[in-house]
Amino acid sequence: MIVHILDSTVGMPVLSDQELEYGSEFADFLKEHIAKLTSGDEKKSCRFYEKESEVYRMLVQYSDDFFIDISKDMADFLYSIMNSNVDIPSADLIVVRFWYGEEEYLALLKMNYKQYYTHRTLNSAEGSNRNEVIRHKSILPSESQRLSEAAIIRLEDLSVQVVEKKYEVNGEKVDYFSYLFLKCSSHLSHKTKLSLVTKAVDAVQKDSYAERELYEAQMRAKSIIQEELEEKGGFMVEEISQRIFEEKPELKIAFQDKMEKYDMVKEEILPQSEATTRKYQKQHLYTDTGIEIKIPMEQYKNPGSVEFITNADGTVSVLIKNIGRLEVRL
């Protein structure tokens, strides 16, 4: 592994000529970040544009003998992009060559700086100490924080997994890490695909149901998605639309038209992270009187626990049944 300092305020990259000497704690720190990248639903599969990608040309004949030189060329190229676009944050670039099982990988970990307070000690001319608290602007992300931009490259076939964040480039929000730096084409992440399906279902329902019917349709759709995620670990977009809109085939067509824009009609969605699916574990209801209700999905599906009653005047009552104990939390 090797680290290069890409601080835009310096005016030039500070490139290392030697690999890092590290102990088990720092190795575990990097393993934790790599594990978060590969197991999270933010990652996207990516393939290099072989003719256009400078990074691809650096890697196509990779060997460990040139690890330092290749890492410096990558860092220098990335810094040139950062230096031309002030919204891209300064960072340390840590390049790691590692094995997982029998396969060899290269990780490009862009550690964007965090600003935190720390202390320092100053010595006066009289020999006394003065302790100060200062705001340090170059702290690396902790193990618990997910990196905003990184890539894991399998060296056998140069396939890439990318996580990234959009930043403004020439007045437009751009995925600069894949578009300008790696120059690769990427598929949508599972997290993004799940979000697109949810938003499309919601949009179709809002356009098609009367206000009095809408909340029931929305709750039913969320329940179906949660059931597929829990029982099967994911779903096919075409099949979920059949379940959600089985009684209204015209809405299924409207939904598929929205999915067609993203070429997702036949797509399979398989999120891995609980953080991605957590919001489907509860029904969140908000009334026009300011009341918020959170119902665990297993209770929502149980008619002995919750009942929704449509009154003669069109209003809705929510009946919560069989409560054994109430607890007030401040």
C-alpha atoms as a PDB file:
ATOM      1  CA  MET A   1       0.000   0.000   0.000  1.00  0.00           C
ATOM      2  CA  ILE A   2       1.020   3.592  -0.603  1.00  0.00           C
ATOM      3  CA  VAL A   3      -0.461   6.994   0.254  1.00  0.00           C
ATOM      4  CA  HIS A   4      -0.366  10.185  -1.834  1.00  0.00           C
ATOM      5  CA  ILE A   5      -1.475  13.597  -0.527  1.00  0.00           C
ATOM      6  CA  LEU A   6      -3.907  15.376  -2.857  1.00  0.00           C
ATOM      7  CA  ASP A   7      -4.501  18.678  -1.068  1.00  0.00           C
ATOM      8  CA  SER A   8      -5.855  21.297  -3.461  1.00  0.00           C
ATOM      9  CA  THR A   9      -4.642  24.129  -1.221  1.00  0.00           C
ATOM     10  CA  VAL A  10      -0.998  23.086  -1.717  1.00  0.00           C
ATOM     11  CA  GLY A  11      -1.058  23.612  -5.488  1.00  0.00           C
ATOM     12  CA  MET A  12       0.617  20.311  -6.329  1.00  0.00           C
ATOM     13  CA  PRO A  13       0.280  16.670  -5.260  1.00  0.00           C
ATOM     14  CA  VAL A  14       2.675  15.344  -2.625  1.00  0.00           C
ATOM     15  CA  LEU A  15       3.525  11.924  -4.044  1.00  0.00           C
ATOM     16  CA  SER A  16       5.250   9.204  -2.064  1.00  0.00           C
ATOM     17  CA  ASP A  17       8.244   7.318  -3.445  1.00  0.00           C
ATOM     18  CA  GLN A  18       7.930   4.467  -0.961  1.00  0.00           C
ATOM     19  CA  GLU A  19       5.300   2.008   0.129  1.00  0.00           C
ATOM     20  CA  LEU A  20       3.722   2.387   3.558  1.00  0.00           C
ATOM     21  CA  GLU A  21       5.145   0.624   6.555  1.00  0.00           C
ATOM     22  CA  TYR A  22       2.091  -0.447   8.512  1.00  0.00           C
ATOM     23  CA  GLY A  23       1.008  -2.618  11.394  1.00  0.00           C
ATOM     24  CA  SER A  24      -2.010  -4.828  11.911  1.00  0.00           C
ATOM     25  CA  GLU A  25      -4.202  -1.972  13.196  1.00  0.00           C
ATOM     26  CA  PHE A  26      -3.838   0.095  10.027  1.00  0.00           C
ATOM     27  CA  ALA A  27      -4.261  -3.026   7.877  1.00  0.00           C
ATOM     28  CA  ASP A  28      -7.525  -3.730   9.724  1.00  0.00           C
ATOM     29  CA  PHE A  29      -8.541  -0.094   9.149  1.00  0.00           C
ATOM     30  CA  LEU A  30      -8.178  -0.521   5.386  1.00  0.00           C
ATOM     31  CA  LYS A  31      -9.777  -3.981   5.395  1.00  0.00           C
ATOM     32  CA  GLU A  32     -12.813  -2.464   7.107  1.00  0.00           C
ATOM     33  CA  HIS A  33     -13.140   0.218   4.433  1.00  0.00           C
ATOM     34  CA  ILE A  34     -12.706  -2.291   1.604  1.00  0.00           C
ATOM     35  CA  ALA A  35     -15.314  -4.597   3.181  1.00  0.00           C
ATOM     36  CA  LYS A  36     -17.774  -1.693   3.466  1.00  0.00           C
ATOM     37  CA  LEU A  37     -17.258  -0.859  -0.199  1.00  0.00           C
ATOM     38  CA  THR A  38     -17.772  -4.394  -1.486  1.00  0.00           C
ATOM     39  CA  SER A  39     -20.744  -5.249   0.750  1.00  0.00           C
ATOM     40  CA  GLY A  40     -22.653  -1.970   0.444  1.00  0.00           C
ATOM     41  CA  ASP A  41     -25.448  -1.285  -2.024  1.00  0.00           C
ATOM     42  CA  GLU A  42     -23.884   1.998  -3.182  1.00  0.00           C
ATOM     43  CA  LYS A  43     -21.321   0.203  -5.350  1.00  0.00           C
ATOM     44  CA  LYS A  44     -21.721   0.069  -9.140  1.00  0.00           C
ATOM     45  CA  SER A  45     -20.222  -2.399 -11.586  1.00  0.00           C
ATOM     46  CA  CYS A  46     -18.110  -0.617 -14.187  1.00  0.00           C
ATOM     47  CA  ARG A  47     -16.139  -1.409 -17.353  1.00  0.00           C
ATOM     48  CA  PHE A  48     -13.291   0.729 -18.660  1.00  0.00           C
ATOM     49  CA  TYR A  49     -13.562   2.542 -21.957  1.00  0.00           C
ATOM     50  CA  GLU A  50     -10.350   0.884 -23.094  1.00  0.00           C
ATOM     51  CA  LYS A  51      -9.401   3.403 -25.788  1.00  0.00           C
ATOM     52  CA  GLU A  52     -10.158   6.511 -23.731  1.00  0.00           C
ATOM     53  CA  SER A  53      -9.125   5.523 -20.186  1.00  0.00           C
ATOM     54  CA  GLU A  54      -5.695   6.603 -18.953  1.00  0.00           C
ATOM     55  CA  VAL A  55      -6.149   4.447 -15.840  1.00  0.00           C
ATOM     56  CA  TYR A  56      -6.874   1.390 -17.996  1.00  0.00           C
ATOM     57  CA  ARG A  57      -3.669   1.951 -19.943  1.00  0.00           C
ATOM     58  CA  MET A  58      -1.742   2.169 -16.660  1.00  0.00           C
ATOM     59  CA  LEU A  59      -3.210  -1.135 -15.450  1.00  0.00           C
ATOM     60  CA  VAL A  60      -3.321  -3.243 -18.596  1.00  0.00           C
ATOM     61  CA  GLN A  61       0.198  -4.598 -18.000  1.00  0.00           C
ATOM     62  CA  TYR A  62       0.262  -4.202 -14.231  1.00  0.00           C
ATOM     63  CA  SER A  63       2.961  -5.878 -12.142  1.00  0.00           C
ATOM     64  CA  ASP A  64       4.030  -5.317  -8.546  1.00  0.00           C
ATOM     65  CA  ASP A  65       7.409  -4.095  -9.791  1.00  0.00           C
ATOM     66  CA  PHE A  66       5.675  -0.948 -11.057  1.00  0.00           C
ATOM     67  CA  PHE A  67       3.201  -0.567  -8.180  1.00  0.00           C
ATOM     68  CA  ILE A  68       4.713   2.691  -6.897  1.00  0.00           C
ATOM     69  CA  ASP A  69       5.078   4.283 -10.335  1.00  0.00           C
ATOM     70  CA  ILE A  70       1.531   3.350 -11.390  1.00  0.00           C
ATOM     71  CA  SER A  71       0.069   4.642  -8.126  1.00  0.00           C
ATOM     72  CA  LYS A  72       1.935   7.956  -8.577  1.00  0.00           C
ATOM     73  CA  ASP A  73       0.676   8.327 -12.150  1.00  0.00           C
ATOM     74  CA  MET A  74      -2.899   7.680 -10.993  1.00  0.00           C
ATOM     75  CA  ALA A  75      -2.603  10.146  -8.118  1.00  0.00           C
ATOM     76  CA  ASP A  76      -1.101  12.813 -10.372  1.00  0.00           C
ATOM     77  CA  PHE A  77      -3.886  12.353 -12.931  1.00  0.00           C
ATOM     78  CA  LEU A  78      -6.602  12.474 -10.253  1.00  0.00           C
ATOM     79  CA  TYR A  79      -5.066  15.618  -8.756  1.00  0.00           C
ATOM     80  CA  SER A  80      -5.131  17.356 -12.130  1.00  0.00           C
ATOM     81  CA  ILE A  81      -8.903  16.729 -12.285  1.00  0.00           C
ATOM     82  CA  MET A  82      -9.376  17.929  -8.702  1.00  0.00           C
ATOM     83  CA  ASN A  83      -7.264  21.028  -9.255  1.00  0.00           C
ATOM     84  CA  SER A  84      -9.438  22.049 -12.218  1.00  0.00           C
ATOM     85  CA  ASN A  85     -12.685  21.635 -10.270  1.00  0.00           C
ATOM     86  CA  VAL A  86     -12.694  23.393  -6.915  1.00  0.00           C
ATOM     87  CA  ASP A  87     -15.802  21.603  -5.563  1.00  0.00           C
ATOM     88  CA  ILE A  88     -14.019  18.230  -5.493  1.00  0.00           C
ATOM     89  CA  PRO A  89     -12.697  17.835  -1.922  1.00  0.00           C
ATOM     90  CA  SER A  90      -9.039  17.403  -1.002  1.00  0.00           C
ATOM     91  CA  ALA A  91      -8.016  13.937   0.118  1.00  0.00           C
ATOM     92  CA  ASP A  92      -5.327  11.357   0.624  1.00  0.00           C
ATOM     93  CA  LEU A  93      -5.325   8.656  -2.052  1.00  0.00           C
ATOM     94  CA  ILE A  94      -4.391   5.280  -0.598  1.00  0.00           C
ATOM     95  CA  VAL A  95      -3.627   2.631  -3.216  1.00  0.00           C
ATOM     96  CA  VAL A  96      -3.736  -0.959  -1.954  1.00  0.00           C
ATOM     97  CA  ARG A  97      -2.830  -4.157  -3.759  1.00  0.00           C
ATOM     98  CA  PHE A  98      -4.493  -7.082  -1.969  1.00  0.00           C
ATOM     99  CA  TRP A  99      -5.637 -10.645  -2.384  1.00  0.00           C
ATOM    100  CA  TYR A 100      -9.120 -11.980  -1.658  1.00  0.00           C
ATOM    101  CA  GLY A 101      -9.178 -15.750  -1.928  1.00  0.00           C
ATOM    102  CA  GLU A 102      -7.127 -16.515  -5.023  1.00  0.00           C
ATOM    103  CA  GLU A 103      -7.901 -13.264  -6.836  1.00  0.00           C
ATOM    104  CA  GLU A 104      -5.751 -10.145  -6.885  1.00  0.00           C
ATOM    105  CA  TYR A 105      -7.222  -6.654  -6.602  1.00  0.00           C
ATOM    106  CA  LEU A 106      -6.202  -3.033  -6.555  1.00  0.00           C
ATOM    107  CA  ALA A 107      -8.124  -0.632  -4.317  1.00  0.00           C
ATOM    108  CA  LEU A 108      -8.134   3.125  -4.957  1.00  0.00           C
ATOM    109  CA  LEU A 109      -9.361   4.675  -1.716  1.00  0.00           C
ATOM    110  CA  LYS A 110      -9.937   8.427  -1.836  1.00  0.00           C
ATOM    111  CA  MET A 111      -9.975   9.499   1.808  1.00  0.00           C
ATOM    112  CA  ASN A 112     -11.671  12.903   1.780  1.00  0.00           C
ATOM    113  CA  TYR A 113     -10.519  15.116   4.625  1.00  0.00           C
ATOM    114  CA  LYS A 114     -12.740  15.697   7.647  1.00  0.00           C
ATOM    115  CA  GLN A 115     -12.469  18.728   9.895  1.00  0.00           C
ATOM    116  CA  TYR A 116     -12.291  18.052  13.633  1.00  0.00           C
ATOM    117  CA  TYR A 117     -10.941  19.771  16.713  1.00  0.00           C
ATOM    118  CA  THR A 118      -7.738  18.502  18.313  1.00  0.00           C
ATOM    119  CA  HIS A 119      -5.060  19.866  20.662  1.00  0.00           C
ATOM    120  CA  ARG A 120      -1.489  20.991  20.296  1.00  0.00           C
ATOM    121  CA  THR A 121       1.203  22.131  22.718  1.00  0.00           C
ATOM    122  CA  LEU A 122       3.312  25.251  22.138  1.00  0.00           C
ATOM    123  CA  ASN A 123       6.581  26.036  23.940  1.00  0.00           C
ATOM    124  CA  SER A 124       7.117  29.647  25.000  1.00  0.00           C
ATOM    125  CA  ALA A 125      10.456  31.443  25.083  1.00  0.00           C
ATOM    126  CA  GLU A 126      10.447  31.099  28.873  1.00  0.00           C
ATOM    127  CA  GLY A 127      10.233  27.316  28.597  1.00  0.00           C
ATOM    128  CA  SER A 128       6.606  26.936  29.711  1.00  0.00           C
ATOM    129  CA  ASN A 129       3.931  25.004  27.819  1.00  0.00           C
ATOM    130  CA  ARG A 130       0.674  26.368  26.439  1.00  0.00           C
ATOM    131  CA  ASN A 131      -2.011  23.922  25.313  1.00  0.00           C
ATOM    132  CA  GLU A 132      -4.367  24.991  22.551  1.00  0.00           C
ATOM    133  CA  VAL A 133      -7.394  23.541  20.776  1.00  0.00           C
ATOM    134  CA  ILE A 134      -7.252  23.878  16.993  1.00  0.00           C
ATOM    135  CA  ARG A 135      -9.461  22.818  14.095  1.00  0.00           C
ATOM    136  CA  HIS A 136      -7.544  20.233  12.057  1.00  0.00           C
ATOM    137  CA  LYS A 137      -8.579  20.184   8.387  1.00  0.00           C
ATOM    138  CA  SER A 138      -6.880  16.986   7.215  1.00  0.00           C
ATOM    139  CA  ILE A 139      -8.342  14.156   9.305  1.00  0.00           C
ATOM    140  CA  LEU A 140      -9.038  10.894   7.448  1.00  0.00           C
ATOM    141  CA  PRO A 141     -12.436   9.169   7.675  1.00  0.00           C
ATOM    142  CA  SER A 142     -12.862   6.734  10.557  1.00  0.00           C
ATOM    143  CA  GLU A 143     -13.523   3.007  10.113  1.00  0.00           C
ATOM    144  CA  SER A 144     -17.248   3.545  10.664  1.00  0.00           C
ATOM    145  CA  GLN A 145     -17.560   6.140   7.878  1.00  0.00           C
ATOM    146  CA  ARG A 146     -18.200   5.096   4.286  1.00  0.00           C
ATOM    147  CA  LEU A 147     -15.924   6.540   1.622  1.00  0.00           C
ATOM    148  CA  SER A 148     -17.584   8.796  -0.945  1.00  0.00           C
ATOM    149  CA  GLU A 149     -15.264   7.879  -3.808  1.00  0.00           C
ATOM    150  CA  ALA A 150     -13.343   4.646  -4.287  1.00  0.00           C
ATOM    151  CA  ALA A 151     -12.761   1.815  -6.723  1.00  0.00           C
ATOM    152  CA  ILE A 152     -11.956  -1.884  -6.377  1.00  0.00           C
ATOM    153  CA  ILE A 153     -10.323  -3.288  -9.526  1.00  0.00           C
ATOM    154  CA  ARG A 154      -9.901  -7.009 -10.170  1.00  0.00           C
ATOM    155  CA  LEU A 155      -6.539  -7.278 -11.876  1.00  0.00           C
ATOM    156  CA  GLU A 156      -7.320 -10.468 -13.799  1.00  0.00           C
ATOM    157  CA  ASP A 157      -9.928  -8.857 -16.062  1.00  0.00           C
ATOM    158  CA  LEU A 158      -9.825  -5.180 -14.944  1.00  0.00           C
ATOM    159  CA  SER A 159     -13.485  -5.219 -13.951  1.00  0.00           C
ATOM    160  CA  VAL A 160     -14.297  -2.405 -11.553  1.00  0.00           C
ATOM    161  CA  GLN A 161     -16.610  -1.727  -8.640  1.00  0.00           C
ATOM    162  CA  VAL A 162     -17.099   1.974  -7.930  1.00  0.00           C
ATOM    163  CA  VAL A 163     -18.672   4.115  -5.244  1.00  0.00           C
ATOM    164  CA  GLU A 164     -18.851   7.813  -5.950  1.00  0.00           C
ATOM    165  CA  LYS A 165     -20.542  11.120  -5.284  1.00  0.00           C
ATOM    166  CA  LYS A 166     -21.500  13.812  -7.755  1.00  0.00           C
ATOM    167  CA  TYR A 167     -19.615  17.138  -7.648  1.00  0.00           C
ATOM    168  CA  GLU A 168     -19.991  20.221  -9.778  1.00  0.00           C
ATOM    169  CA  VAL A 169     -17.860  20.207 -12.929  1.00  0.00           C
ATOM    170  CA  ASN A 170     -18.300  23.079 -15.408  1.00  0.00           C
ATOM    171  CA  GLY A 171     -21.562  24.075 -13.750  1.00  0.00           C
ATOM    172  CA  GLU A 172     -23.072  20.574 -13.794  1.00  0.00           C
ATOM    173  CA  LYS A 173     -23.219  17.820 -11.155  1.00  0.00           C
ATOM    174  CA  VAL A 174     -21.095  14.955 -12.499  1.00  0.00           C
ATOM    175  CA  ASP A 175     -19.894  11.522 -11.334  1.00  0.00           C
ATOM    176  CA  TYR A 176     -16.360  12.705 -11.941  1.00  0.00           C
ATOM    177  CA  PHE A 177     -14.674   9.641 -10.388  1.00  0.00           C
ATOM    178  CA  SER A 178     -15.992   7.254 -13.049  1.00  0.00           C
ATOM    179  CA  TYR A 179     -16.578   9.784 -15.828  1.00  0.00           C
ATOM    180  CA  LEU A 180     -13.362  11.844 -15.737  1.00  0.00           C
ATOM    181  CA  PHE A 181     -10.877   9.806 -13.702  1.00  0.00           C
ATOM    182  CA  LEU A 182     -11.531   6.112 -14.397  1.00  0.00           C
ATOM    183  CA  LYS A 183     -13.410   6.715 -17.670  1.00  0.00           C
ATOM    184  CA  CYS A 184     -15.656   3.705 -17.369  1.00  0.00           C
ATOM    185  CA  SER A 185     -19.308   2.931 -18.032  1.00  0.00           C
ATOM    186  CA  SER A 186     -21.318   1.945 -14.992  1.00  0.00           C
ATOM    187  CA  HIS A 187     -24.623   0.317 -14.137  1.00  0.00           C
ATOM    188  CA  LEU A 188     -26.929   1.700 -11.485  1.00  0.00           C
ATOM    189  CA  SER A 189     -26.276   0.530  -7.923  1.00  0.00           C
ATOM    190  CA  HIS A 190     -28.867  -1.692  -6.222  1.00  0.00           C
ATOM    191  CA  LYS A 191     -29.619   1.141  -3.796  1.00  0.00           C
ATOM    192  CA  THR A 192     -30.336   3.528  -6.678  1.00  0.00           C
ATOM    193  CA  LYS A 193     -32.427   0.941  -8.536  1.00  0.00           C
ATOM    194  CA  LEU A 194     -34.544   0.232  -5.457  1.00  0.00           C
ATOM    195  CA  SER A 195     -35.081   3.957  -4.971  1.00  0.00           C
ATOM    196  CA  LEU A 196     -36.130   4.390  -8.615  1.00  0.00           C
ATOM    197  CA  VAL A 197     -38.678   1.565  -8.350  1.00  0.00           C
ATOM    198  CA  THR A 198     -40.144   3.041  -5.159  1.00  0.00           C
ATOM    199  CA  LYS A 199     -40.399   6.537  -6.629  1.00  0.00           C
ATOM    200  CA  ALA A 200     -41.967   5.240  -9.854  1.00  0.00           C
ATOM    201  CA  VAL A 201     -44.601   3.236  -7.961  1.00  0.00           C
ATOM    202  CA  ASP A 202     -45.381   6.275  -5.818  1.00  0.00           C
ATOM    203  CA  ALA A 203     -45.647   8.597  -8.836  1.00  0.00           C
ATOM    204  CA  VAL A 204     -47.986   6.256 -10.735  1.00  0.00           C
ATOM    205  CA  GLN A 205     -50.215   5.820  -7.693  1.00  0.00           C
ATOM    206  CA  LYS A 206     -50.413   9.559  -6.970  1.00  0.00           C
ATOM    207  CA  ASP A 207     -51.469  10.193 -10.569  1.00  0.00           C
ATOM    208  CA  SER A 208     -54.111   7.473 -10.544  1.00  0.00           C
ATOM    209  CA  TYR A 209     -55.779   7.189  -7.126  1.00  0.00           C
ATOM    210  CA  ALA A 210     -58.145   9.558  -5.380  1.00  0.00           C
ATOM    211  CA  GLU A 211     -56.833  10.993  -2.132  1.00  0.00           C
ATOM    212  CA  ARG A 212     -59.073   8.732  -0.018  1.00  0.00           C
ATOM    213  CA  GLU A 213     -57.703   5.606  -1.739  1.00  0.00           C
ATOM    214  CA  LEU A 214     -54.094   6.650  -2.098  1.00  0.00           C
ATOM    215  CA  TYR A 215     -52.823   5.829   1.393  1.00  0.00           C
ATOM    216  CA  GLU A 216     -54.125   2.237   1.155  1.00  0.00           C
ATOM    217  CA  ALA A 217     -52.470   1.697  -2.239  1.00  0.00           C
ATOM    218  CA  GLN A 218     -49.177   3.138  -0.995  1.00  0.00           C
ATOM    219  CA  MET A 219     -49.161   0.992   2.147  1.00  0.00           C
ATOM    220  CA  ARG A 220     -49.995  -2.135   0.162  1.00  0.00           C
ATOM    221  CA  ALA A 221     -47.177  -1.451  -2.332  1.00  0.00           C
ATOM    222  CA  LYS A 222     -44.644  -0.917   0.440  1.00  0.00           C
ATOM    223  CA  SER A 223     -45.813  -4.126   2.132  1.00  0.00           C
ATOM    224  CA  ILE A 224     -45.332  -6.113  -1.100  1.00  0.00           C
ATOM    225  CA  ILE A 225     -41.816  -4.727  -1.639  1.00  0.00           C
ATOM    226  CA  GLN A 226     -40.875  -5.490   1.989  1.00  0.00           C
ATOM    227  CA  GLU A 227     -42.218  -9.028   1.665  1.00  0.00           C
ATOM    228  CA  GLU A 228     -40.150  -9.694  -1.472  1.00  0.00           C
ATOM    229  CA  LEU A 229     -37.009  -8.288   0.167  1.00  0.00           C
ATOM    230  CA  GLU A 230     -37.496 -10.303   3.348  1.00  0.00           C
ATOM    231  CA  GLU A 231     -38.487 -13.629   1.801  1.00  0.00           C
ATOM    232  CA  LYS A 232     -36.415 -13.643  -1.391  1.00  0.00           C
ATOM    233  CA  GLY A 233     -33.685 -11.078  -0.749  1.00  0.00           C
ATOM    234  CA  GLY A 234     -34.813  -9.043  -3.762  1.00  0.00           C
ATOM    235  CA  PHE A 235     -37.118  -9.076  -6.761  1.00  0.00           C
ATOM    236  CA  MET A 236     -37.473  -8.782 -10.513  1.00  0.00           C
ATOM    237  CA  VAL A 237     -38.895  -5.391 -11.487  1.00  0.00           C
ATOM    238  CA  GLU A 238     -41.384  -6.918 -13.920  1.00  0.00           C
ATOM    239  CA  GLU A 239     -42.685  -9.379 -11.313  1.00  0.00           C
ATOM    240  CA  ILE A 240     -43.072  -6.774  -8.551  1.00  0.00           C
ATOM    241  CA  SER A 241     -45.084  -4.559 -10.880  1.00  0.00           C
ATOM    242  CA  GLN A 242     -47.389  -7.508 -11.602  1.00  0.00           C
ATOM    243  CA  ARG A 243     -48.039  -7.958  -7.864  1.00  0.00           C
ATOM    244  CA  ILE A 244     -48.492  -4.274  -7.032  1.00  0.00           C
ATOM    245  CA  PHE A 245     -50.729  -3.434  -9.993  1.00  0.00           C
ATOM    246  CA  GLU A 246     -52.463  -6.799 -10.481  1.00  0.00           C
ATOM    247  CA  GLU A 247     -55.919  -5.194 -10.246  1.00  0.00           C
ATOM    248  CA  LYS A 248     -55.053  -2.230 -12.460  1.00  0.00           C
ATOM    249  CA  PRO A 249     -53.062  -3.414 -15.518  1.00  0.00           C
ATOM    250  CA  GLU A 250     -53.127   0.097 -17.005  1.00  0.00           C
ATOM    251  CA  LEU A 251     -51.030   1.291 -14.033  1.00  0.00           C
ATOM    252  CA  LYS A 252     -48.558  -1.529 -14.627  1.00  0.00           C
ATOM    253  CA  ILE A 253     -48.058  -0.197 -18.164  1.00  0.00           C
ATOM    254  CA  ALA A 254     -47.530   3.341 -16.829  1.00  0.00           C
ATOM    255  CA  PHE A 255     -45.000   2.008 -14.295  1.00  0.00           C
ATOM    256  CA  GLN A 256     -43.103   0.020 -16.926  1.00  0.00           C
ATOM    257  CA  ASP A 257     -42.949   3.101 -19.155  1.00  0.00           C
ATOM    258  CA  LYS A 258     -41.093   4.885 -16.344  1.00  0.00           C
ATOM    259  CA  MET A 259     -38.747   1.916 -15.862  1.00  0.00           C
ATOM    260  CA  GLU A 260     -38.060   1.757 -19.593  1.00  0.00           C
ATOM    261  CA  LYS A 261     -36.274   5.124 -19.345  1.00  0.00           C
ATOM    262  CA  TYR A 262     -33.625   3.422 -17.189  1.00  0.00           C
ATOM    263  CA  ASP A 263     -33.686   0.118 -19.097  1.00  0.00           C
ATOM    264  CA  MET A 264     -34.910  -1.545 -15.889  1.00  0.00           C
ATOM    265  CA  VAL A 265     -38.064  -3.426 -16.928  1.00  0.00           C
ATOM    266  CA  LYS A 266     -36.248  -6.806 -16.814  1.00  0.00           C
ATOM    267  CA  GLU A 267     -33.841  -5.800 -14.041  1.00  0.00           C
ATOM    268  CA  GLU A 268     -33.246  -7.815 -10.867  1.00  0.00           C
ATOM    269  CA  ILE A 269     -32.728  -5.869  -7.619  1.00  0.00           C
ATOM    270  CA  LEU A 270     -30.709  -7.629  -4.908  1.00  0.00           C
ATOM    271  CA  PRO A 271     -29.713  -5.248  -2.083  1.00  0.00           C
ATOM    272  CA  GLN A 272     -27.173  -6.633   0.391  1.00  0.00           C
ATOM    273  CA  SER A 273     -27.121  -4.035   3.155  1.00  0.00           C
ATOM    274  CA  GLU A 274     -29.732  -3.846   5.914  1.00  0.00           C
ATOM    275  CA  ALA A 275     -29.325  -0.071   5.861  1.00  0.00           C
ATOM    276  CA  THR A 276     -30.812  -0.064   2.339  1.00  0.00           C
ATOM    277  CA  THR A 277     -33.899  -2.099   3.253  1.00  0.00           C
ATOM    278  CA  ARG A 278     -34.482  -0.817   6.791  1.00  0.00           C
ATOM    279  CA  LYS A 279     -37.052   1.811   5.773  1.00  0.00           C
ATOM    280  CA  TYR A 280     -39.295  -0.950   4.365  1.00  0.00           C
ATOM    281  CA  GLN A 281     -39.578  -2.629   7.756  1.00  0.00           C
ATOM    282  CA  LYS A 282     -42.099  -0.054   9.035  1.00  0.00           C
ATOM    283  CA  GLN A 283     -45.091   1.822   7.718  1.00  0.00           C
ATOM    284  CA  HIS A 284     -44.663   5.555   8.404  1.00  0.00           C
ATOM    285  CA  LEU A 285     -47.958   7.464   8.484  1.00  0.00           C
ATOM    286  CA  TYR A 286     -48.441  11.210   8.875  1.00  0.00           C
ATOM    287  CA  THR A 287     -51.859  12.763   9.474  1.00  0.00           C
ATOM    288  CA  ASP A 288     -53.015  16.237   8.491  1.00  0.00           C
ATOM    289  CA  THR A 289     -53.412  16.939  12.212  1.00  0.00           C
ATOM    290  CA  GLY A 290     -49.680  16.491  12.852  1.00  0.00           C
ATOM    291  CA  ILE A 291     -49.718  12.952  14.255  1.00  0.00           C
ATOM    292  CA  GLU A 292     -46.942  10.563  13.215  1.00  0.00           C
ATOM    293  CA  ILE A 293     -47.483   6.799  13.426  1.00  0.00           C
ATOM    294  CA  LYS A 294     -44.819   4.116  12.901  1.00  0.00           C
ATOM    295  CA  ILE A 295     -46.148   0.585  12.498  1.00  0.00           C
ATOM    296  CA  PRO A 296     -43.792  -2.434  12.267  1.00  0.00           C
ATOM    297  CA  MET A 297     -44.623  -4.299   9.074  1.00  0.00           C
ATOM    298  CA  GLU A 298     -45.509  -7.558  10.838  1.00  0.00           C
ATOM    299  CA  GLN A 299     -48.052  -5.641  12.961  1.00  0.00           C
ATOM    300  CA  TYR A 300     -49.443  -3.836   9.910  1.00  0.00           C
ATOM    301  CA  LYS A 301     -50.126  -7.211   8.273  1.00  0.00           C
ATOM    302  CA  ASN A 302     -51.857  -8.550  11.387  1.00  0.00           C
ATOM    303  CA  PRO A 303     -55.587  -7.543  11.476  1.00  0.00           C
ATOM    304  CA  GLY A 304     -55.570  -8.277  15.211  1.00  0.00           C
ATOM    305  CA  SER A 305     -53.088  -5.450  15.788  1.00  0.00           C
ATOM    306  CA  VAL A 306     -54.102  -2.565  13.510  1.00  0.00           C
ATOM    307  CA  GLU A 307     -57.268  -1.694  11.624  1.00  0.00           C
ATOM    308  CA  PHE A 308     -57.891   1.188   9.226  1.00  0.00           C
ATOM    309  CA  ILE A 309     -61.524   2.342   9.208  1.00  0.00           C
ATOM    310  CA  THR A 310     -63.004   4.614   6.547  1.00  0.00           C
ATOM    311  CA  ASN A 311     -65.740   6.680   8.191  1.00  0.00           C
ATOM    312  CA  ALA A 312     -69.010   7.761   6.542  1.00  0.00           C
ATOM    313  CA  ASP A 313     -67.749  11.332   6.200  1.00  0.00           C
ATOM    314  CA  GLY A 314     -64.639  10.212   4.308  1.00  0.00           C
ATOM    315  CA  THR A 315     -62.200  10.580   7.193  1.00  0.00           C
ATOM    316  CA  VAL A 316     -60.004   7.678   8.324  1.00  0.00           C
ATOM    317  CA  SER A 317     -59.612   6.225  11.814  1.00  0.00           C
ATOM    318  CA  VAL A 318     -56.672   4.063  12.836  1.00  0.00           C
ATOM    319  CA  LEU A 319     -57.547   1.492  15.512  1.00  0.00           C
ATOM    320  CA  ILE A 320     -54.610   0.004  17.423  1.00  0.00           C
ATOM    321  CA  LYS A 321     -55.758  -3.193  19.113  1.00  0.00           C
ATOM    322  CA  ASN A 322     -54.764  -5.509  21.978  1.00  0.00           C
ATOM    323  CA  ILE A 323     -52.218  -3.243  23.651  1.00  0.00           C
ATOM    324  CA  GLY A 324     -50.842  -4.930  26.750  1.00  0.00           C
ATOM    325  CA  ARG A 325     -48.693  -2.046  27.966  1.00  0.00           C
ATOM    326  CA  LEU A 326     -48.019   1.568  26.998  1.00  0.00           C
ATOM    327  CA  GLU A 327     -44.667   3.237  27.581  1.00  0.00           C
ATOM    328  CA  VAL A 328     -43.830   6.937  27.355  1.00  0.00           C
ATOM    329  CA  ARG A 329     -40.327   7.810  26.113  1.00  0.00           C
ATOM    330  CA  LEU A 330     -38.967  11.313  26.590  1.00  0.00           C
END
